[in-house]
Amino acid sequence: MVTPEKENQWARKLAAILSQLERKRLRLRKNVKFAAVYAQNRIESEMFVRGALGIRRRAGVFW
């Protein structure tokens, strides 16, 4: 037979696991967001550098 104490113990364990998962999920979401922003910035800066190189090349100036 399951005693109320045992039930409380399980409920606490379950709650702890759930809150841990929730924290992990939030951390993951943050990382995904950061990765997306990072990728976007990298693409933009790469395009900018390419554009600058292209302009310099067209002007006949080489780095």
Protein backbone atom coordinates (compact mmCIF):
# COMPACT_ATOMS: atom_id res chain seq x y z
CA MET A 1 0.00 0.00 0.00
CA VAL A 2 1.20 3.52 -0.88
CA THR A 3 1.36 5.84 2.09
CA PRO A 4 0.68 9.59 1.75
CA GLU A 5 4.34 10.23 2.65
CA LYS A 6 5.41 8.02 -0.24
CA GLU A 7 2.99 9.81 -2.55
CA ASN A 8 4.38 13.19 -1.50
CA GLN A 9 7.90 11.95 -2.10
CA TRP A 10 7.01 10.86 -5.64
CA ALA A 11 5.16 14.11 -6.30
CA ARG A 12 8.20 16.10 -5.17
CA LYS A 13 10.51 13.99 -7.34
CA LEU A 14 8.24 14.43 -10.33
CA ALA A 15 8.00 18.18 -9.76
CA ALA A 16 11.78 18.42 -9.52
CA ILE A 17 12.24 16.50 -12.78
CA LEU A 18 9.64 18.63 -14.54
CA SER A 19 11.17 21.91 -13.40
CA GLN A 20 14.60 20.66 -14.47
CA LEU A 21 13.25 19.81 -17.92
CA GLU A 22 11.57 23.20 -18.17
CA ARG A 23 14.85 24.93 -17.30
CA LYS A 24 16.68 22.85 -19.90
CA ARG A 25 14.05 23.70 -22.49
CA LEU A 26 14.39 27.42 -21.77
CA ARG A 27 18.17 27.18 -21.95
CA LEU A 28 17.88 25.34 -25.26
CA ARG A 29 15.52 27.94 -26.63
CA LYS A 30 17.95 30.66 -25.59
CA ASN A 31 20.81 28.83 -27.31
CA VAL A 32 18.78 28.37 -30.48
CA LYS A 33 17.87 32.05 -30.49
CA PHE A 34 21.51 33.00 -29.92
CA ALA A 35 22.67 30.64 -32.69
CA ALA A 36 20.16 32.14 -35.11
CA VAL A 37 21.24 35.70 -34.29
CA TYR A 38 24.90 34.70 -34.53
CA ALA A 39 24.37 33.04 -37.92
CA GLN A 40 22.45 36.09 -39.19
CA ASN A 41 25.23 38.44 -38.05
CA ARG A 42 27.88 36.24 -39.63
CA ILE A 43 26.03 36.12 -42.94
CA GLU A 44 25.56 39.89 -42.89
CA SER A 45 29.18 40.62 -42.03
CA GLU A 46 30.37 38.16 -44.67
CA MET A 47 28.18 39.83 -47.27
CA PHE A 48 29.47 43.23 -46.15
CA VAL A 49 33.10 42.08 -46.43
CA ARG A 50 32.44 40.56 -49.85
CA GLY A 51 30.76 43.77 -50.95
CA ALA A 52 33.66 45.87 -49.68
CA LEU A 53 36.17 43.59 -51.42
CA GLY A 54 34.12 43.78 -54.60
CA ILE A 55 34.06 47.58 -54.47
CA ARG A 56 37.80 47.73 -53.86
CA ARG A 57 38.44 45.27 -56.67
CA ARG A 58 36.27 47.24 -59.06
CA ALA A 59 38.17 50.39 -58.09
CA GLY A 60 41.41 48.55 -58.93
CA VAL A 61 42.69 48.57 -55.32
CA PHE A 62 43.73 45.22 -53.90
CA TRP A 63 44.18 44.47 -50.21
